[in-house]
Amino acid sequence: MKNSYEVIFENNRKWVESKVADNPHFFEELAKTQHPEYLYIGCSDSRATAEELMGAKPGEVFVHRNIANVVNTLDMSSTAVIQYAVEHLKVKHIIVCGHYNCGGVKAAMTPQDLGLLNPWLRTIRDVYRLHQAELDSIDDENKRYDRLVELNVQEQCINVIKMACVQERYILEEYPIVHGWVFDLRTGKIIDLEIDFEETLKDIQKIYNLTGSDWVMNKKK
């Protein structure tokens, strides 16, 4: 019996065969330069894969994943991905997608020392601190957990909007737009948190304007 590792290569062979059968030029086209419209920033959880839940094809979504879909501007990985997507790929939409039953968010709610995870989870604990009054008013632990997932997405969207490359390109082209989603593992549905991108830009203008130019909201008047 083949072990699970060997099965992966068998599955890959079958996948290649099926793609070539449908389109003999599939891999020639796939090897060309990518032009995705979307940057998806999601959780590393094995149950929530970007392309599958979005119904997207190869080349349509640029993806970055980490524990609990965190955007920390001190993290070179996420910031490099965002800058590349914005400046070089010219994506039109940046999506931060969390999911209910997120182990990273739950760990951040747990009062224990988690070693090397502590600095990473501190970003989520900070979200809890910012919204502590609302969260502590929710008696049901599961609902409080779900709400922290949503608030974490909201705060990570704000962290994306703080970035100079996002602000500068938006002024020039009115893209990218930042969106916040939650994937509900219990239903399979994507929930749009309806982040008001322009309103958020205006709210953070005074402190986080990194463009050195007139703000786009004033420019539109």
N, C-alpha and C. Protein backbone atom coordinates (compact mmCIF):
# COMPACT_ATOMS: atom_id res chain seq x y z
N MET A 1 0.84 -1.20 0.00
CA MET A 1 0.00 0.00 0.00
C MET A 1 0.88 1.26 0.00
N LYS A 2 0.54 2.19 -0.87
CA LYS A 2 1.32 3.43 -0.93
C LYS A 2 1.05 4.28 0.30
N ASN A 3 2.10 4.90 0.80
CA ASN A 3 1.87 5.80 1.92
C ASN A 3 1.33 7.14 1.40
N SER A 4 0.90 8.00 2.31
CA SER A 4 0.24 9.25 1.93
C SER A 4 1.16 10.17 1.13
N TYR A 5 2.46 10.11 1.43
CA TYR A 5 3.41 10.96 0.71
C TYR A 5 3.49 10.56 -0.76
N GLU A 6 3.56 9.29 -1.04
CA GLU A 6 3.63 8.80 -2.42
C GLU A 6 2.36 9.09 -3.18
N VAL A 7 1.24 9.06 -2.48
CA VAL A 7 -0.05 9.32 -3.12
C VAL A 7 -0.10 10.73 -3.71
N ILE A 8 0.60 11.67 -3.09
CA ILE A 8 0.62 13.04 -3.59
C ILE A 8 1.14 13.09 -5.03
N PHE A 9 2.21 12.35 -5.30
CA PHE A 9 2.78 12.36 -6.65
C PHE A 9 1.87 11.65 -7.65
N GLU A 10 1.16 10.64 -7.18
CA GLU A 10 0.19 9.97 -8.04
C GLU A 10 -0.95 10.91 -8.38
N ASN A 11 -1.40 11.67 -7.36
CA ASN A 11 -2.47 12.64 -7.59
C ASN A 11 -2.01 13.73 -8.55
N ASN A 12 -0.75 14.14 -8.42
CA ASN A 12 -0.22 15.16 -9.33
C ASN A 12 -0.20 14.67 -10.77
N ARG A 13 0.20 13.42 -10.96
CA ARG A 13 0.23 12.85 -12.31
C ARG A 13 -1.16 12.84 -12.93
N LYS A 14 -2.14 12.44 -12.13
CA LYS A 14 -3.52 12.40 -12.62
C LYS A 14 -4.03 13.80 -12.93
N TRP A 15 -3.64 14.77 -12.10
CA TRP A 15 -4.06 16.15 -12.32
C TRP A 15 -3.48 16.70 -13.62
N VAL A 16 -2.19 16.42 -13.86
CA VAL A 16 -1.55 16.85 -15.10
C VAL A 16 -2.27 16.24 -16.30
N GLU A 17 -2.55 14.96 -16.23
CA GLU A 17 -3.22 14.28 -17.33
C GLU A 17 -4.59 14.87 -17.61
N SER A 18 -5.33 15.17 -16.55
CA SER A 18 -6.68 15.72 -16.74
C SER A 18 -6.64 17.11 -17.33
N LYS A 19 -5.67 17.93 -16.91
CA LYS A 19 -5.56 19.28 -17.45
C LYS A 19 -5.17 19.26 -18.93
N VAL A 20 -4.22 18.42 -19.28
CA VAL A 20 -3.78 18.32 -20.68
C VAL A 20 -4.89 17.76 -21.56
N ALA A 21 -5.67 16.83 -21.01
CA ALA A 21 -6.77 16.26 -21.78
C ALA A 21 -7.81 17.33 -22.11
N ASP A 22 -8.06 18.25 -21.16
CA ASP A 22 -9.02 19.33 -21.39
C ASP A 22 -8.45 20.41 -22.29
N ASN A 23 -7.15 20.69 -22.12
CA ASN A 23 -6.51 21.76 -22.88
C ASN A 23 -5.04 21.41 -23.07
N PRO A 24 -4.63 20.96 -24.26
CA PRO A 24 -3.24 20.56 -24.49
C PRO A 24 -2.22 21.67 -24.22
N HIS A 25 -2.66 22.93 -24.22
CA HIS A 25 -1.75 24.07 -24.01
C HIS A 25 -1.86 24.64 -22.59
N PHE A 26 -2.52 23.90 -21.70
CA PHE A 26 -2.78 24.43 -20.35
C PHE A 26 -1.51 24.89 -19.66
N PHE A 27 -0.46 24.07 -19.67
CA PHE A 27 0.74 24.41 -18.92
C PHE A 27 1.61 25.44 -19.64
N GLU A 28 1.48 25.51 -20.95
CA GLU A 28 2.16 26.59 -21.68
C GLU A 28 1.56 27.94 -21.26
N GLU A 29 0.24 27.97 -21.15
CA GLU A 29 -0.45 29.20 -20.75
C GLU A 29 -0.18 29.51 -19.29
N LEU A 30 -0.13 28.47 -18.46
CA LEU A 30 0.10 28.67 -17.02
C LEU A 30 1.48 29.26 -16.75
N ALA A 31 2.45 28.92 -17.60
CA ALA A 31 3.83 29.37 -17.40
C ALA A 31 4.04 30.83 -17.78
N LYS A 32 3.05 31.43 -18.44
CA LYS A 32 3.17 32.83 -18.82
C LYS A 32 3.04 33.73 -17.59
N THR A 33 3.34 35.00 -17.76
CA THR A 33 3.29 35.96 -16.65
C THR A 33 1.90 36.00 -16.03
N GLN A 34 1.86 36.05 -14.70
CA GLN A 34 0.57 36.09 -14.01
C GLN A 34 0.01 37.51 -13.97
N HIS A 35 -1.33 37.59 -14.03
CA HIS A 35 -2.02 38.88 -13.93
C HIS A 35 -3.24 38.76 -13.01
N PRO A 36 -3.04 38.38 -11.76
CA PRO A 36 -4.18 38.23 -10.86
C PRO A 36 -4.77 39.58 -10.47
N GLU A 37 -6.07 39.61 -10.29
CA GLU A 37 -6.74 40.83 -9.81
C GLU A 37 -6.84 40.86 -8.29
N TYR A 38 -6.61 39.71 -7.67
CA TYR A 38 -6.84 39.61 -6.24
C TYR A 38 -5.57 39.19 -5.48
N LEU A 39 -5.34 39.84 -4.35
CA LEU A 39 -4.39 39.36 -3.36
C LEU A 39 -5.22 38.85 -2.19
N TYR A 40 -5.02 37.60 -1.84
CA TYR A 40 -5.76 36.96 -0.75
C TYR A 40 -4.79 36.72 0.40
N ILE A 41 -5.10 37.29 1.56
CA ILE A 41 -4.30 37.08 2.77
C ILE A 41 -5.16 36.27 3.73
N GLY A 42 -4.79 35.02 3.91
CA GLY A 42 -5.62 34.13 4.72
C GLY A 42 -4.84 33.38 5.77
N CYS A 43 -5.54 32.49 6.44
CA CYS A 43 -4.94 31.69 7.50
C CYS A 43 -4.31 30.44 6.89
N SER A 44 -3.28 29.93 7.55
CA SER A 44 -2.59 28.72 7.09
C SER A 44 -3.40 27.45 7.36
N ASP A 45 -4.52 27.56 8.02
CA ASP A 45 -5.36 26.40 8.35
C ASP A 45 -5.60 25.54 7.11
N SER A 46 -5.43 24.24 7.26
CA SER A 46 -5.54 23.32 6.13
C SER A 46 -6.96 23.17 5.60
N ARG A 47 -7.95 23.68 6.34
CA ARG A 47 -9.35 23.52 5.92
C ARG A 47 -9.87 24.69 5.09
N ALA A 48 -9.08 25.75 4.95
CA ALA A 48 -9.58 26.96 4.30
C ALA A 48 -8.61 27.42 3.22
N THR A 49 -8.69 26.83 2.04
CA THR A 49 -7.79 27.19 0.95
C THR A 49 -8.43 28.23 0.04
N ALA A 50 -7.67 29.22 -0.33
CA ALA A 50 -8.21 30.39 -1.04
C ALA A 50 -8.89 30.02 -2.35
N GLU A 51 -8.16 29.33 -3.23
CA GLU A 51 -8.70 29.07 -4.57
C GLU A 51 -9.97 28.23 -4.52
N GLU A 52 -10.00 27.25 -3.60
CA GLU A 52 -11.16 26.37 -3.55
C GLU A 52 -12.39 27.11 -3.07
N LEU A 53 -12.27 27.88 -1.98
CA LEU A 53 -13.46 28.55 -1.46
C LEU A 53 -13.93 29.68 -2.36
N MET A 54 -13.00 30.25 -3.17
CA MET A 54 -13.37 31.32 -4.09
C MET A 54 -13.78 30.79 -5.46
N GLY A 55 -13.55 29.50 -5.71
CA GLY A 55 -13.84 28.96 -7.02
C GLY A 55 -12.94 29.55 -8.09
N ALA A 56 -11.69 29.86 -7.71
CA ALA A 56 -10.77 30.54 -8.62
C ALA A 56 -9.89 29.55 -9.37
N LYS A 57 -9.44 29.97 -10.54
CA LYS A 57 -8.56 29.17 -11.36
C LYS A 57 -7.10 29.58 -11.13
N PRO A 58 -6.14 28.71 -11.51
CA PRO A 58 -4.73 29.10 -11.40
C PRO A 58 -4.46 30.41 -12.12
N GLY A 59 -3.73 31.30 -11.47
CA GLY A 59 -3.39 32.59 -12.07
C GLY A 59 -4.34 33.72 -11.71
N GLU A 60 -5.44 33.40 -11.02
CA GLU A 60 -6.44 34.44 -10.72
C GLU A 60 -6.27 35.06 -9.34
N VAL A 61 -5.56 34.38 -8.44
CA VAL A 61 -5.42 34.87 -7.07
C VAL A 61 -3.97 34.74 -6.61
N PHE A 62 -3.40 35.84 -6.13
CA PHE A 62 -2.08 35.84 -5.51
C PHE A 62 -2.32 35.62 -4.02
N VAL A 63 -1.64 34.65 -3.42
CA VAL A 63 -2.01 34.19 -2.08
C VAL A 63 -0.86 34.31 -1.08
N HIS A 64 -1.21 34.81 0.10
CA HIS A 64 -0.30 34.78 1.24
C HIS A 64 -1.08 34.24 2.43
N ARG A 65 -0.47 33.27 3.14
CA ARG A 65 -1.16 32.68 4.28
C ARG A 65 -0.21 32.59 5.47
N ASN A 66 -0.75 32.82 6.65
CA ASN A 66 0.01 32.64 7.88
C ASN A 66 -0.96 32.33 9.01
N ILE A 67 -0.45 32.10 10.20
CA ILE A 67 -1.32 31.78 11.33
C ILE A 67 -2.22 32.95 11.65
N ALA A 68 -3.54 32.73 11.53
CA ALA A 68 -4.57 33.70 11.89
C ALA A 68 -4.58 34.95 11.01
N ASN A 69 -4.12 34.81 9.75
CA ASN A 69 -4.21 35.90 8.75
C ASN A 69 -3.80 37.26 9.32
N VAL A 70 -2.61 37.30 9.89
CA VAL A 70 -2.09 38.51 10.52
C VAL A 70 -1.29 39.34 9.51
N VAL A 71 -1.49 40.65 9.53
CA VAL A 71 -0.67 41.57 8.75
C VAL A 71 0.07 42.45 9.75
N ASN A 72 1.32 42.09 9.99
CA ASN A 72 2.16 42.82 10.92
C ASN A 72 3.25 43.50 10.10
N THR A 73 3.32 44.81 10.16
CA THR A 73 4.25 45.54 9.29
C THR A 73 5.72 45.28 9.64
N LEU A 74 5.98 44.59 10.75
CA LEU A 74 7.34 44.18 11.07
C LEU A 74 7.66 42.81 10.48
N ASP A 75 6.65 42.18 9.88
CA ASP A 75 6.83 40.87 9.25
C ASP A 75 7.17 41.08 7.78
N MET A 76 8.41 40.82 7.41
CA MET A 76 8.86 41.06 6.04
C MET A 76 8.13 40.21 5.02
N SER A 77 7.67 39.05 5.43
CA SER A 77 7.00 38.16 4.48
C SER A 77 5.70 38.77 3.98
N SER A 78 4.81 39.14 4.90
CA SER A 78 3.52 39.69 4.49
C SER A 78 3.67 41.05 3.81
N THR A 79 4.57 41.90 4.32
CA THR A 79 4.72 43.22 3.72
C THR A 79 5.33 43.13 2.32
N ALA A 80 6.26 42.20 2.12
CA ALA A 80 6.84 42.03 0.79
C ALA A 80 5.80 41.53 -0.20
N VAL A 81 4.96 40.61 0.25
CA VAL A 81 3.89 40.09 -0.62
C VAL A 81 2.94 41.21 -1.02
N ILE A 82 2.54 42.03 -0.04
CA ILE A 82 1.60 43.12 -0.33
C ILE A 82 2.23 44.12 -1.29
N GLN A 83 3.46 44.51 -1.03
CA GLN A 83 4.11 45.49 -1.91
C GLN A 83 4.27 44.95 -3.32
N TYR A 84 4.67 43.70 -3.46
CA TYR A 84 4.82 43.10 -4.79
C TYR A 84 3.48 43.04 -5.51
N ALA A 85 2.45 42.64 -4.78
CA ALA A 85 1.11 42.53 -5.39
C ALA A 85 0.59 43.89 -5.84
N VAL A 86 0.85 44.92 -5.03
CA VAL A 86 0.33 46.26 -5.33
C VAL A 86 1.14 46.94 -6.43
N GLU A 87 2.46 46.90 -6.32
CA GLU A 87 3.31 47.68 -7.23
C GLU A 87 3.63 46.96 -8.54
N HIS A 88 3.73 45.65 -8.50
CA HIS A 88 4.15 44.91 -9.69
C HIS A 88 3.02 44.13 -10.36
N LEU A 89 2.21 43.46 -9.56
CA LEU A 89 1.08 42.72 -10.14
C LEU A 89 -0.12 43.61 -10.39
N LYS A 90 -0.15 44.77 -9.73
CA LYS A 90 -1.25 45.73 -9.90
C LYS A 90 -2.61 45.13 -9.56
N VAL A 91 -2.67 44.38 -8.46
CA VAL A 91 -3.95 43.79 -8.06
C VAL A 91 -4.96 44.90 -7.78
N LYS A 92 -6.22 44.59 -8.02
CA LYS A 92 -7.29 45.57 -7.81
C LYS A 92 -7.98 45.40 -6.46
N HIS A 93 -7.84 44.22 -5.88
CA HIS A 93 -8.51 43.95 -4.61
C HIS A 93 -7.57 43.19 -3.68
N ILE A 94 -7.52 43.64 -2.42
CA ILE A 94 -6.79 42.92 -1.38
C ILE A 94 -7.81 42.39 -0.39
N ILE A 95 -7.82 41.09 -0.20
CA ILE A 95 -8.78 40.44 0.67
C ILE A 95 -8.07 39.87 1.88
N VAL A 96 -8.49 40.27 3.08
CA VAL A 96 -8.04 39.62 4.30
C VAL A 96 -9.17 38.70 4.72
N CYS A 97 -8.90 37.40 4.76
CA CYS A 97 -9.95 36.42 5.05
C CYS A 97 -9.59 35.59 6.27
N GLY A 98 -10.38 35.73 7.32
CA GLY A 98 -10.25 34.86 8.48
C GLY A 98 -11.26 33.73 8.39
N HIS A 99 -11.32 32.91 9.41
CA HIS A 99 -12.33 31.85 9.41
C HIS A 99 -12.72 31.52 10.84
N TYR A 100 -13.99 31.16 11.01
CA TYR A 100 -14.45 30.74 12.33
C TYR A 100 -13.74 29.43 12.71
N ASN A 101 -13.64 29.19 14.01
CA ASN A 101 -12.91 28.03 14.54
C ASN A 101 -11.41 28.13 14.24
N CYS A 102 -10.88 29.34 14.25
CA CYS A 102 -9.46 29.56 13.96
C CYS A 102 -8.63 29.23 15.20
N GLY A 103 -7.72 28.27 15.06
CA GLY A 103 -6.90 27.86 16.19
C GLY A 103 -5.98 28.97 16.69
N GLY A 104 -5.48 29.80 15.76
CA GLY A 104 -4.62 30.90 16.16
C GLY A 104 -5.33 31.92 17.01
N VAL A 105 -6.56 32.26 16.61
CA VAL A 105 -7.35 33.22 17.38
C VAL A 105 -7.70 32.64 18.75
N LYS A 106 -8.06 31.36 18.76
CA LYS A 106 -8.40 30.72 20.03
C LYS A 106 -7.20 30.68 20.96
N ALA A 107 -6.01 30.41 20.41
CA ALA A 107 -4.79 30.38 21.22
C ALA A 107 -4.52 31.74 21.83
N ALA A 108 -4.83 32.81 21.08
CA ALA A 108 -4.61 34.17 21.58
C ALA A 108 -5.56 34.50 22.73
N MET A 109 -6.66 33.76 22.83
CA MET A 109 -7.61 33.97 23.92
C MET A 109 -7.27 33.11 25.14
N THR A 110 -6.25 32.27 25.00
CA THR A 110 -5.90 31.33 26.07
C THR A 110 -4.77 31.89 26.93
N PRO A 111 -4.96 32.01 28.24
CA PRO A 111 -3.94 32.59 29.12
C PRO A 111 -2.83 31.60 29.45
N GLN A 112 -1.96 31.36 28.49
CA GLN A 112 -0.84 30.46 28.74
C GLN A 112 0.35 30.85 27.87
N ASP A 113 1.53 30.43 28.31
CA ASP A 113 2.76 30.70 27.58
C ASP A 113 2.88 29.71 26.43
N LEU A 114 2.90 30.21 25.21
CA LEU A 114 2.98 29.36 24.03
C LEU A 114 4.33 29.47 23.34
N GLY A 115 5.33 29.91 24.08
CA GLY A 115 6.70 29.92 23.57
C GLY A 115 6.88 30.85 22.38
N LEU A 116 7.42 30.31 21.29
CA LEU A 116 7.74 31.11 20.11
C LEU A 116 6.50 31.72 19.46
N LEU A 117 5.35 31.17 19.76
CA LEU A 117 4.11 31.72 19.20
C LEU A 117 3.70 33.03 19.89
N ASN A 118 4.24 33.29 21.07
CA ASN A 118 3.80 34.46 21.84
C ASN A 118 3.89 35.77 21.07
N PRO A 119 5.04 36.11 20.44
CA PRO A 119 5.11 37.39 19.71
C PRO A 119 4.11 37.49 18.58
N TRP A 120 3.88 36.36 17.89
CA TRP A 120 2.93 36.38 16.77
C TRP A 120 1.50 36.59 17.28
N LEU A 121 1.13 35.85 18.32
CA LEU A 121 -0.23 35.92 18.84
C LEU A 121 -0.48 37.23 19.57
N ARG A 122 0.58 37.95 19.93
CA ARG A 122 0.40 39.23 20.62
C ARG A 122 -0.38 40.20 19.76
N THR A 123 -0.22 40.13 18.46
CA THR A 123 -0.98 40.99 17.55
C THR A 123 -2.47 40.76 17.73
N ILE A 124 -2.87 39.50 17.88
CA ILE A 124 -4.29 39.19 18.07
C ILE A 124 -4.73 39.56 19.48
N ARG A 125 -3.86 39.36 20.46
CA ARG A 125 -4.19 39.79 21.82
C ARG A 125 -4.41 41.31 21.85
N ASP A 126 -3.65 42.04 21.04
CA ASP A 126 -3.84 43.48 20.96
C ASP A 126 -5.21 43.83 20.40
N VAL A 127 -5.69 43.02 19.46
CA VAL A 127 -7.04 43.22 18.93
C VAL A 127 -8.06 43.04 20.06
N TYR A 128 -7.84 42.00 20.87
CA TYR A 128 -8.74 41.78 22.02
C TYR A 128 -8.71 43.00 22.95
N ARG A 129 -7.51 43.51 23.21
CA ARG A 129 -7.39 44.67 24.10
C ARG A 129 -8.14 45.88 23.56
N LEU A 130 -8.03 46.12 22.25
CA LEU A 130 -8.71 47.27 21.64
C LEU A 130 -10.23 47.15 21.72
N HIS A 131 -10.72 45.92 21.71
CA HIS A 131 -12.17 45.70 21.67
C HIS A 131 -12.65 44.92 22.90
N GLN A 132 -11.92 45.08 24.00
CA GLN A 132 -12.21 44.27 25.18
C GLN A 132 -13.62 44.48 25.73
N ALA A 133 -14.08 45.72 25.76
CA ALA A 133 -15.41 45.99 26.31
C ALA A 133 -16.48 45.24 25.54
N GLU A 134 -16.41 45.30 24.21
CA GLU A 134 -17.41 44.60 23.39
C GLU A 134 -17.30 43.09 23.58
N LEU A 135 -16.09 42.56 23.54
CA LEU A 135 -15.90 41.11 23.62
C LEU A 135 -16.30 40.56 24.99
N ASP A 136 -15.94 41.27 26.04
CA ASP A 136 -16.26 40.80 27.39
C ASP A 136 -17.76 40.87 27.68
N SER A 137 -18.48 41.65 26.88
CA SER A 137 -19.93 41.74 27.09
C SER A 137 -20.67 40.56 26.44
N ILE A 138 -19.96 39.74 25.68
CA ILE A 138 -20.57 38.58 25.03
C ILE A 138 -20.42 37.37 25.95
N ASP A 139 -21.53 36.90 26.52
CA ASP A 139 -21.47 35.82 27.50
C ASP A 139 -21.13 34.47 26.87
N ASP A 140 -21.68 34.21 25.69
CA ASP A 140 -21.45 32.93 25.03
C ASP A 140 -20.01 32.87 24.51
N GLU A 141 -19.22 31.91 25.00
CA GLU A 141 -17.81 31.84 24.65
C GLU A 141 -17.59 31.65 23.15
N ASN A 142 -18.43 30.81 22.52
CA ASN A 142 -18.27 30.55 21.09
C ASN A 142 -18.57 31.80 20.26
N LYS A 143 -19.58 32.56 20.67
CA LYS A 143 -19.92 33.80 19.96
C LYS A 143 -18.83 34.85 20.16
N ARG A 144 -18.24 34.87 21.36
CA ARG A 144 -17.14 35.80 21.63
C ARG A 144 -15.93 35.45 20.75
N TYR A 145 -15.70 34.17 20.61
CA TYR A 145 -14.62 33.65 19.77
C TYR A 145 -14.85 34.04 18.32
N ASP A 146 -16.09 33.86 17.83
CA ASP A 146 -16.43 34.25 16.45
C ASP A 146 -16.24 35.74 16.23
N ARG A 147 -16.64 36.52 17.23
CA ARG A 147 -16.54 37.97 17.09
C ARG A 147 -15.09 38.42 17.05
N LEU A 148 -14.22 37.77 17.82
CA LEU A 148 -12.80 38.12 17.78
C LEU A 148 -12.20 37.78 16.41
N VAL A 149 -12.66 36.69 15.80
CA VAL A 149 -12.23 36.37 14.44
C VAL A 149 -12.56 37.52 13.51
N GLU A 150 -13.79 38.06 13.61
CA GLU A 150 -14.22 39.16 12.75
C GLU A 150 -13.42 40.43 13.03
N LEU A 151 -13.23 40.74 14.31
CA LEU A 151 -12.50 41.95 14.67
C LEU A 151 -11.03 41.85 14.28
N ASN A 152 -10.47 40.64 14.33
CA ASN A 152 -9.09 40.45 13.89
C ASN A 152 -8.96 40.75 12.40
N VAL A 153 -9.92 40.28 11.61
CA VAL A 153 -9.91 40.59 10.17
C VAL A 153 -9.99 42.10 9.97
N GLN A 154 -10.89 42.74 10.70
CA GLN A 154 -11.06 44.19 10.57
C GLN A 154 -9.76 44.93 10.86
N GLU A 155 -9.08 44.56 11.93
CA GLU A 155 -7.84 45.25 12.31
C GLU A 155 -6.71 44.95 11.33
N GLN A 156 -6.68 43.74 10.78
CA GLN A 156 -5.65 43.43 9.80
C GLN A 156 -5.89 44.20 8.50
N CYS A 157 -7.16 44.42 8.15
CA CYS A 157 -7.47 45.27 7.00
C CYS A 157 -6.92 46.68 7.21
N ILE A 158 -7.09 47.18 8.42
CA ILE A 158 -6.57 48.52 8.74
C ILE A 158 -5.04 48.52 8.61
N ASN A 159 -4.40 47.45 9.04
CA ASN A 159 -2.93 47.36 8.91
C ASN A 159 -2.50 47.39 7.44
N VAL A 160 -3.29 46.78 6.57
CA VAL A 160 -2.99 46.84 5.14
C VAL A 160 -3.14 48.27 4.63
N ILE A 161 -4.21 48.92 5.03
CA ILE A 161 -4.49 50.28 4.57
C ILE A 161 -3.44 51.27 5.06
N LYS A 162 -2.79 50.98 6.17
CA LYS A 162 -1.74 51.85 6.70
C LYS A 162 -0.51 51.89 5.79
N MET A 163 -0.34 50.90 4.95
CA MET A 163 0.90 50.78 4.18
C MET A 163 1.00 51.84 3.08
N ALA A 164 2.17 52.42 2.94
CA ALA A 164 2.38 53.50 1.97
C ALA A 164 2.09 53.06 0.54
N CYS A 165 2.51 51.85 0.17
CA CYS A 165 2.30 51.40 -1.21
C CYS A 165 0.83 51.31 -1.57
N VAL A 166 0.01 50.94 -0.59
CA VAL A 166 -1.44 50.85 -0.82
C VAL A 166 -2.02 52.25 -0.97
N GLN A 167 -1.64 53.15 -0.08
CA GLN A 167 -2.15 54.53 -0.13
C GLN A 167 -1.75 55.21 -1.44
N GLU A 168 -0.49 55.07 -1.81
CA GLU A 168 0.02 55.78 -2.99
C GLU A 168 -0.64 55.30 -4.27
N ARG A 169 -0.80 54.00 -4.41
CA ARG A 169 -1.42 53.51 -5.65
C ARG A 169 -2.90 53.87 -5.70
N TYR A 170 -3.54 53.88 -4.53
CA TYR A 170 -4.96 54.24 -4.52
C TYR A 170 -5.15 55.69 -4.97
N ILE A 171 -4.26 56.57 -4.56
CA ILE A 171 -4.34 57.96 -4.98
C ILE A 171 -4.22 58.08 -6.50
N LEU A 172 -3.34 57.30 -7.08
CA LEU A 172 -3.10 57.37 -8.52
C LEU A 172 -4.17 56.67 -9.35
N GLU A 173 -4.66 55.51 -8.87
CA GLU A 173 -5.52 54.68 -9.71
C GLU A 173 -6.85 54.28 -9.08
N GLU A 174 -7.07 54.66 -7.82
CA GLU A 174 -8.27 54.29 -7.07
C GLU A 174 -8.37 52.77 -6.89
N TYR A 175 -7.25 52.14 -6.92
CA TYR A 175 -7.09 50.72 -6.59
C TYR A 175 -5.77 50.59 -5.84
N PRO A 176 -5.61 49.57 -5.00
CA PRO A 176 -6.53 48.48 -4.71
C PRO A 176 -7.55 48.84 -3.64
N ILE A 177 -8.65 48.10 -3.62
CA ILE A 177 -9.65 48.20 -2.57
C ILE A 177 -9.40 47.06 -1.58
N VAL A 178 -9.48 47.36 -0.29
CA VAL A 178 -9.25 46.35 0.74
C VAL A 178 -10.58 45.83 1.26
N HIS A 179 -10.70 44.51 1.34
CA HIS A 179 -11.93 43.86 1.80
C HIS A 179 -11.64 42.94 2.98
N GLY A 180 -12.62 42.77 3.85
CA GLY A 180 -12.51 41.83 4.97
C GLY A 180 -13.56 40.75 4.87
N TRP A 181 -13.13 39.51 4.86
CA TRP A 181 -14.05 38.37 4.79
C TRP A 181 -13.82 37.42 5.96
N VAL A 182 -14.88 36.63 6.24
CA VAL A 182 -14.74 35.49 7.14
C VAL A 182 -15.32 34.27 6.43
N PHE A 183 -14.57 33.18 6.43
CA PHE A 183 -15.06 31.93 5.87
C PHE A 183 -15.66 31.11 7.00
N ASP A 184 -16.92 30.73 6.84
CA ASP A 184 -17.61 29.94 7.86
C ASP A 184 -17.45 28.46 7.53
N LEU A 185 -16.59 27.79 8.26
CA LEU A 185 -16.35 26.36 8.03
C LEU A 185 -17.60 25.52 8.23
N ARG A 186 -18.55 26.05 9.01
CA ARG A 186 -19.74 25.27 9.35
C ARG A 186 -20.77 25.27 8.23
N THR A 187 -20.68 26.26 7.35
CA THR A 187 -21.64 26.35 6.24
C THR A 187 -20.97 26.38 4.87
N GLY A 188 -19.67 26.68 4.84
CA GLY A 188 -18.95 26.80 3.58
C GLY A 188 -19.11 28.16 2.93
N LYS A 189 -19.79 29.08 3.59
CA LYS A 189 -20.07 30.39 2.99
C LYS A 189 -19.01 31.42 3.36
N ILE A 190 -18.77 32.36 2.42
CA ILE A 190 -17.93 33.52 2.68
C ILE A 190 -18.82 34.65 3.17
N ILE A 191 -18.43 35.27 4.27
CA ILE A 191 -19.17 36.40 4.82
C ILE A 191 -18.36 37.67 4.58
N ASP A 192 -18.95 38.62 3.87
CA ASP A 192 -18.30 39.90 3.61
C ASP A 192 -18.57 40.82 4.80
N LEU A 193 -17.52 41.24 5.48
CA LEU A 193 -17.68 42.13 6.64
C LEU A 193 -17.95 43.56 6.22
N GLU A 194 -17.95 43.81 4.91
CA GLU A 194 -18.31 45.11 4.35
C GLU A 194 -17.47 46.25 4.96
N ILE A 195 -16.17 46.05 4.94
CA ILE A 195 -15.24 47.10 5.37
C ILE A 195 -15.40 48.30 4.45
N ASP A 196 -15.66 49.47 5.01
CA ASP A 196 -15.79 50.68 4.20
C ASP A 196 -14.38 51.23 3.97
N PHE A 197 -13.82 50.89 2.81
CA PHE A 197 -12.42 51.21 2.53
C PHE A 197 -12.17 52.72 2.55
N GLU A 198 -12.97 53.49 1.83
CA GLU A 198 -12.74 54.93 1.76
C GLU A 198 -12.93 55.59 3.12
N GLU A 199 -13.92 55.16 3.87
CA GLU A 199 -14.15 55.75 5.19
C GLU A 199 -12.98 55.43 6.12
N THR A 200 -12.45 54.22 6.01
CA THR A 200 -11.30 53.85 6.83
C THR A 200 -10.08 54.69 6.47
N LEU A 201 -9.89 54.93 5.17
CA LEU A 201 -8.80 55.80 4.73
C LEU A 201 -8.93 57.18 5.38
N LYS A 202 -10.12 57.73 5.38
CA LYS A 202 -10.32 59.05 5.97
C LYS A 202 -10.07 59.03 7.47
N ASP A 203 -10.49 57.95 8.13
CA ASP A 203 -10.34 57.85 9.57
C ASP A 203 -8.88 57.82 10.00
N ILE A 204 -8.03 57.18 9.19
CA ILE A 204 -6.63 57.05 9.59
C ILE A 204 -5.73 58.11 8.95
N GLN A 205 -6.32 59.01 8.17
CA GLN A 205 -5.55 59.99 7.40
C GLN A 205 -4.56 60.78 8.26
N LYS A 206 -5.02 61.29 9.37
CA LYS A 206 -4.19 62.19 10.17
C LYS A 206 -2.90 61.51 10.65
N ILE A 207 -3.00 60.26 11.06
CA ILE A 207 -1.86 59.58 11.67
C ILE A 207 -1.05 58.77 10.66
N TYR A 208 -1.76 58.13 9.73
CA TYR A 208 -1.09 57.16 8.85
C TYR A 208 -0.96 57.61 7.40
N ASN A 209 -1.08 58.90 7.14
CA ASN A 209 -0.87 59.37 5.77
C ASN A 209 0.62 59.34 5.47
N LEU A 210 1.03 58.40 4.62
CA LEU A 210 2.45 58.22 4.30
C LEU A 210 2.79 58.65 2.88
N THR A 211 1.86 59.34 2.24
CA THR A 211 2.04 59.63 0.82
C THR A 211 2.83 60.91 0.56
N GLY A 212 2.84 61.84 1.50
CA GLY A 212 3.53 63.10 1.30
C GLY A 212 2.85 63.96 0.23
N SER A 213 1.57 63.72 -0.01
CA SER A 213 0.83 64.47 -1.03
C SER A 213 -0.59 64.68 -0.54
N ASP A 214 -1.35 65.48 -1.30
CA ASP A 214 -2.75 65.71 -0.91
C ASP A 214 -3.49 64.38 -0.87
N TRP A 215 -4.30 64.23 0.14
CA TRP A 215 -5.04 62.97 0.28
C TRP A 215 -6.10 62.86 -0.82
N VAL A 216 -6.30 61.62 -1.25
CA VAL A 216 -7.20 61.40 -2.38
C VAL A 216 -8.61 61.86 -2.10
N MET A 217 -9.02 61.79 -0.85
CA MET A 217 -10.40 62.20 -0.54
C MET A 217 -10.59 63.69 -0.80
N ASN A 218 -9.57 64.50 -0.51
CA ASN A 218 -9.64 65.93 -0.79
C ASN A 218 -9.53 66.18 -2.29
N LYS A 219 -8.74 65.35 -2.93
CA LYS A 219 -8.52 65.47 -4.37
C LYS A 219 -9.81 65.26 -5.15
N LYS A 220 -10.70 64.40 -4.62
CA LYS A 220 -11.94 64.08 -5.32
C LYS A 220 -12.97 65.21 -5.22
N LYS A 221 -12.80 66.11 -4.25
CA LYS A 221 -13.82 67.14 -4.05
C LYS A 221 -13.81 68.18 -5.19
